[in-house]
Protein backbone atom coordinates (compact mmCIF):
# COMPACT_ATOMS: atom_id res chain seq x y z
CA UNK A 1 0.00 -0.01 0.01
CA UNK A 2 2.80 2.41 0.85
CA UNK A 3 4.52 1.69 -2.45
CA UNK A 4 1.24 2.55 -4.28
CA UNK A 5 0.94 5.97 -2.55
CA UNK A 6 4.61 6.70 -3.41
CA UNK A 7 3.98 6.05 -7.12
CA UNK A 8 0.79 8.26 -6.95
CA UNK A 9 2.81 11.07 -5.30
CA UNK A 10 5.50 10.79 -8.09
CA UNK A 11 2.77 10.84 -10.73
CA UNK A 12 1.09 13.99 -9.43
CA UNK A 13 4.50 15.77 -8.80
CA UNK A 14 5.47 15.03 -12.43
CA UNK A 15 2.33 16.70 -13.72
CA UNK A 16 2.67 19.77 -11.46
CA UNK A 17 6.41 20.19 -12.36
CA UNK A 18 5.52 20.06 -16.07
CA UNK A 19 3.30 23.11 -15.57
CA UNK A 20 -0.02 21.17 -16.26
CA UNK A 21 -2.99 20.77 -13.88
CA UNK A 22 -4.38 17.24 -13.35
CA UNK A 23 -7.51 18.34 -15.38
CA UNK A 24 -5.25 19.42 -18.24
CA UNK A 25 -3.44 16.01 -18.17
CA UNK A 26 -6.58 13.99 -18.34
CA UNK A 27 -8.11 16.21 -21.09
CA UNK A 28 -5.14 15.37 -23.15
CA UNK A 29 -5.96 11.59 -22.83
CA UNK A 30 -9.26 11.92 -24.74
CA UNK A 31 -9.31 10.02 -27.94
CA UNK A 32 -8.59 12.19 -31.00
CA UNK A 33 -11.28 12.85 -33.58
CA UNK A 34 -11.33 10.15 -36.38
CA UNK A 35 -11.41 10.82 -40.18
CA UNK A 36 -14.22 9.63 -42.36
CA UNK A 37 -11.84 7.19 -43.81
CA UNK A 38 -11.21 5.72 -40.33
CA UNK A 39 -14.86 5.67 -39.51
CA UNK A 40 -15.73 3.74 -42.65
CA UNK A 41 -15.16 0.35 -41.04
CA UNK A 42 -17.67 0.91 -38.38
CA UNK A 43 -20.14 3.16 -40.37
CA UNK A 44 -19.98 1.98 -44.05
CA UNK A 45 -21.21 4.48 -46.57
CA UNK A 46 -23.37 4.07 -49.63
CA UNK A 47 -21.71 4.16 -53.00
CA UNK A 48 -22.84 7.61 -54.04
CA UNK A 49 -20.79 10.66 -54.77
CA UNK A 50 -20.79 13.83 -52.77
CA UNK A 51 -23.99 15.72 -53.57
CA UNK A 52 -23.48 19.11 -51.93
CA UNK A 53 -19.96 20.27 -52.65
CA UNK A 54 -20.00 23.52 -50.61
CA UNK A 55 -22.37 25.80 -48.55
CA UNK A 56 -24.64 27.95 -50.73
CA UNK A 57 -26.48 29.75 -47.96
CA UNK A 58 -25.28 32.08 -45.26
CA UNK A 59 -22.67 30.56 -43.01
CA UNK A 60 -21.41 31.19 -39.42
CA UNK A 61 -18.41 29.68 -37.58
CA UNK A 62 -19.18 28.38 -34.11
CA UNK A 63 -17.52 26.13 -31.47
CA UNK A 64 -18.84 22.63 -30.77
CA UNK A 65 -19.76 22.35 -27.09
CA UNK A 66 -21.16 18.74 -27.08
CA UNK A 67 -23.16 16.31 -29.10
CA UNK A 68 -26.73 15.74 -27.76
CA UNK A 69 -27.72 13.10 -30.20
CA UNK A 70 -27.31 12.30 -33.92
CA UNK A 71 -29.22 15.35 -35.15
CA UNK A 72 -28.83 17.80 -32.34
CA UNK A 73 -25.61 19.76 -31.21
CA UNK A 74 -24.89 22.31 -28.53
CA UNK A 75 -22.65 25.03 -29.79
CA UNK A 76 -21.17 28.29 -28.55
CA UNK A 77 -21.30 31.41 -30.75
CA UNK A 78 -18.63 34.14 -30.88
CA UNK A 79 -20.85 36.22 -28.57
CA UNK A 80 -20.50 33.46 -25.86
CA UNK A 81 -24.19 32.42 -26.24
CA UNK A 82 -24.82 28.62 -26.28
CA UNK A 83 -27.65 27.26 -28.40
CA UNK A 84 -29.01 24.00 -29.55
CA UNK A 85 -28.55 23.22 -33.28
CA UNK A 86 -31.10 21.00 -35.03
CA UNK A 87 -29.79 19.52 -38.26
CA UNK A 88 -32.02 20.55 -41.18
CA UNK A 89 -33.89 17.88 -43.22
CA UNK A 90 -32.67 14.81 -41.43
CA UNK A 91 -34.00 12.82 -38.50
CA UNK A 92 -31.90 10.08 -36.48
CA UNK A 93 -33.40 7.56 -34.14
CA UNK A 94 -34.03 8.75 -30.56
CA UNK A 95 -31.58 8.18 -27.71
CA UNK A 96 -32.94 10.41 -24.98
CA UNK A 97 -36.56 11.05 -25.71
CA UNK A 98 -38.70 11.48 -22.57
CA UNK A 99 -41.47 9.06 -23.72
CA UNK A 100 -39.68 6.84 -26.15
CA UNK A 101 -37.01 4.07 -25.71
CA UNK A 102 -33.64 4.18 -27.19
CA UNK A 103 -34.23 3.34 -30.81
CA UNK A 104 -32.12 1.11 -33.01
CA UNK A 105 -29.22 2.99 -34.58
CA UNK A 106 -29.81 6.00 -32.44
CA UNK A 107 -26.62 5.37 -30.39
CA UNK A 108 -24.69 4.55 -33.62
CA UNK A 109 -25.76 8.03 -35.10
CA UNK A 110 -24.64 9.79 -31.95
CA UNK A 111 -21.45 7.86 -31.68
CA UNK A 112 -20.54 8.61 -35.38
CA UNK A 113 -20.94 12.34 -34.66
CA UNK A 114 -19.00 12.22 -31.47
CA UNK A 115 -16.17 10.38 -33.09
CA UNK A 116 -15.93 12.59 -36.15
CA UNK A 117 -16.55 16.13 -34.66
CA UNK A 118 -14.10 17.05 -31.86
CA UNK A 119 -15.59 18.92 -29.03
CA UNK A 120 -14.03 22.42 -28.61
CA UNK A 121 -13.26 22.58 -32.24
CA UNK A 122 -14.81 24.99 -34.78
CA UNK A 123 -17.58 23.83 -37.16
CA UNK A 124 -19.60 25.90 -39.74
CA UNK A 125 -23.33 26.36 -39.80
CA UNK A 126 -25.00 26.92 -43.08
CA UNK A 127 -28.40 28.46 -42.86
CA UNK A 128 -31.44 28.10 -45.11
CA UNK A 129 -34.17 30.66 -45.35
CA UNK A 130 -35.82 30.16 -41.92
CA UNK A 131 -33.47 30.02 -38.99
CA UNK A 132 -35.55 28.67 -36.11
CA UNK A 133 -37.95 25.72 -35.52
CA UNK A 134 -41.02 25.94 -33.34
CA UNK A 135 -38.88 24.95 -30.24
CA UNK A 136 -36.55 27.92 -31.02
CA UNK A 137 -33.73 25.66 -31.87
CA UNK A 138 -31.42 26.96 -34.49
CA UNK A 139 -31.81 24.99 -37.86
CA UNK A 140 -28.69 24.39 -39.93
CA UNK A 141 -26.60 22.23 -42.12
CA UNK A 142 -23.39 21.51 -40.21
CA UNK A 143 -20.04 21.53 -42.06
CA UNK A 144 -16.70 20.20 -40.84
CA UNK A 145 -13.44 19.87 -42.77
CA UNK A 146 -15.29 20.64 -46.06
CA UNK A 147 -17.88 17.94 -45.65
CA UNK A 148 -21.62 18.31 -44.51
CA UNK A 149 -22.65 16.21 -41.50
CA UNK A 150 -26.31 16.04 -42.61
CA UNK A 151 -25.25 14.39 -45.81
CA UNK A 152 -22.95 11.95 -44.12
CA UNK A 153 -25.50 10.71 -41.72
CA UNK A 154 -27.81 9.94 -44.68
CA UNK A 155 -24.87 8.23 -46.62
CA UNK A 156 -24.38 5.83 -43.77
CA UNK A 157 -27.97 4.95 -43.23
CA UNK A 158 -27.97 6.68 -39.81
CA UNK A 159 -30.68 9.20 -40.64
CA UNK A 160 -33.72 9.56 -42.87
CA UNK A 161 -34.84 12.63 -44.92
CA UNK A 162 -37.52 14.35 -42.78
CA UNK A 163 -39.17 17.57 -41.65
CA UNK A 164 -39.33 19.03 -45.03
CA UNK A 165 -40.89 22.46 -44.58
CA UNK A 166 -40.77 25.13 -47.16
CA UNK A 167 -38.77 27.37 -47.64
CA UNK A 168 -35.98 25.44 -45.94
CA UNK A 169 -35.44 22.90 -48.83
CA UNK A 170 -32.36 23.96 -50.67
CA UNK A 171 -30.56 20.69 -50.27
CA UNK A 172 -33.56 18.27 -50.25
CA UNK A 173 -33.10 16.84 -53.71
CA UNK A 174 -29.46 16.07 -53.01
CA UNK A 175 -30.37 14.39 -49.69
CA UNK A 176 -32.97 12.29 -51.46
CA UNK A 177 -30.39 10.90 -53.87
CA UNK A 178 -28.06 9.91 -50.93
CA UNK A 179 -30.83 8.50 -48.92
CA UNK A 180 -31.98 6.33 -51.85
CA UNK A 181 -28.55 4.83 -52.19
CA UNK A 182 -28.23 4.04 -48.52
CA UNK A 183 -31.65 2.47 -48.64
CA UNK A 184 -30.79 0.26 -51.63
CA UNK A 185 -27.67 -0.81 -49.77
CA UNK A 186 -29.65 -1.64 -46.72
CA UNK A 187 -27.35 0.38 -44.48
CA UNK A 188 -28.20 1.27 -40.93
CA UNK A 189 -31.80 2.16 -40.28
CA UNK A 190 -32.65 0.61 -43.73
CA UNK A 191 -31.46 -2.89 -42.63
CA UNK A 192 -34.63 -3.43 -40.65
CA UNK A 193 -37.87 -4.01 -42.56
CA UNK A 194 -40.52 -1.26 -42.05
CA UNK A 195 -38.30 0.32 -39.44
CA UNK A 196 -38.39 3.81 -41.02
CA UNK A 197 -41.84 5.29 -41.26
CA UNK A 198 -43.41 8.53 -42.30
CA UNK A 199 -43.46 9.63 -38.68
CA UNK A 200 -40.20 8.49 -37.49
CA UNK A 201 -39.01 5.04 -36.52
CA UNK A 202 -40.90 1.90 -35.36
CA UNK A 203 -38.70 0.52 -32.48
CA UNK A 204 -40.77 -2.82 -32.60
CA UNK A 205 -39.49 -3.55 -36.10
CA UNK A 206 -36.83 -6.29 -35.83
CA UNK A 207 -37.13 -8.30 -39.08
CA UNK A 208 -33.92 -7.88 -41.31
CA UNK A 209 -34.76 -6.17 -44.64
CA UNK A 210 -34.30 -7.96 -47.89
CA UNK A 211 -32.80 -6.50 -51.05
CA UNK A 212 -35.54 -5.27 -53.58
CA UNK A 213 -35.26 -7.21 -56.86
CA UNK A 214 -34.00 -5.26 -59.85
CA UNK A 215 -36.47 -4.77 -62.64
CA UNK A 216 -36.28 -3.57 -66.30
CA UNK A 217 -39.73 -2.03 -66.23
CA UNK A 218 -40.32 1.73 -66.17
CA UNK A 219 -40.96 2.49 -62.58
CA UNK A 220 -42.04 6.10 -62.75
CA UNK A 221 -44.78 6.19 -60.14
CA UNK A 222 -43.72 8.52 -57.25
CA UNK A 223 -44.43 7.67 -53.64
CA UNK A 224 -44.27 10.50 -51.16
CA UNK A 225 -44.89 10.73 -47.41
CA UNK A 226 -46.30 14.23 -46.50
CA UNK A 227 -45.73 15.93 -43.20
CA UNK A 228 -48.79 14.26 -41.52
CA UNK A 229 -47.22 10.89 -42.36
CA UNK A 230 -49.85 10.12 -45.15
CA UNK A 231 -48.42 7.93 -48.03
CA UNK A 232 -49.47 9.30 -51.36
CA UNK A 233 -48.55 8.16 -54.92
CA UNK A 234 -48.46 10.28 -58.04
CA UNK A 235 -48.56 9.03 -61.64
CA UNK A 236 -47.04 10.77 -64.58
CA UNK A 237 -49.21 13.59 -65.82
CA UNK A 238 -50.74 14.11 -62.39
CA UNK A 239 -51.16 17.74 -61.22
CA UNK A 240 -48.37 17.48 -58.65
CA UNK A 241 -46.09 14.88 -60.30
CA UNK A 242 -43.31 17.09 -61.48
CA UNK A 243 -42.82 18.95 -58.23
CA UNK A 244 -43.14 15.90 -56.02
CA UNK A 245 -39.97 14.52 -54.41
CA UNK A 246 -40.09 10.76 -54.57
CA UNK A 247 -39.25 8.80 -51.44
CA UNK A 248 -40.13 5.52 -53.25
CA UNK A 249 -40.57 4.65 -56.96
CA UNK A 250 -43.12 2.13 -58.12
CA UNK A 251 -43.62 0.28 -61.28
CA UNK A 252 -47.45 -0.11 -60.95
CA UNK A 253 -50.31 1.39 -59.09
CA UNK A 254 -51.02 -2.06 -57.56
CA UNK A 255 -47.42 -2.13 -56.22
CA UNK A 256 -47.84 1.32 -54.70
CA UNK A 257 -51.08 0.43 -52.98
CA UNK A 258 -49.66 -2.78 -51.67
CA UNK A 259 -46.95 -0.58 -49.97
CA UNK A 260 -49.62 1.41 -48.27
CA UNK A 261 -49.82 4.45 -50.49
CA UNK A 262 -53.02 5.94 -51.91
CA UNK A 263 -53.43 7.67 -55.22
CA UNK A 264 -53.28 11.49 -55.19
CA UNK A 265 -56.57 13.12 -55.82
CA UNK A 266 -55.41 15.05 -58.94
């Protein structure tokens, strides 16, 4: 026991003589952030190219305070104010909801963000047209090292495209492309059959998803889930067909209806 205390004394003395506090020493032992290449083994990405090359909206540099969950961060502005940042147009499974259990792939989404974005480092917020949601959280696309976090979560199947409210839609088409590739590859949230819903995630879904068969038919019927979670399909020539963002494509109306979609009124 005496020898153990002697070693502890030597350890603390070494830290003090080096000019560091104990807190400083332990802070230096935190695992360094990992690159996207290093994270690929644990969070494989879909085979789709980078869709958003650079911010196109107004930007602001902030300091990352901490990661709340996969789609929410706490940041500090230059003024010293601290705010919650909600990632625009994406939704990750819950990890700390007051009435919901921890959902599959929620912890993975949070861990991915924590391992890639270093706390205390600077990140860039890109704003769309509207800055706040109804909870007064700041809405933004988050950039780090020239790459957008929102897109990377979709690319790895750790988020779905969601909460599409005009006019904050400047990257929605790019996001749909990335999401579709992750879904086809059955990555993350897409690896469970019927886990992703129009209203979020069904934590009771446990059946592994199976790859959808390829077809040579023209699959041009657009399936869309509106903000109320209602599944509606649109056929070519329909009043809203051209401006509808497809979440699923169907080859026949029977196929769309079998998937739970109803035909658009016009």
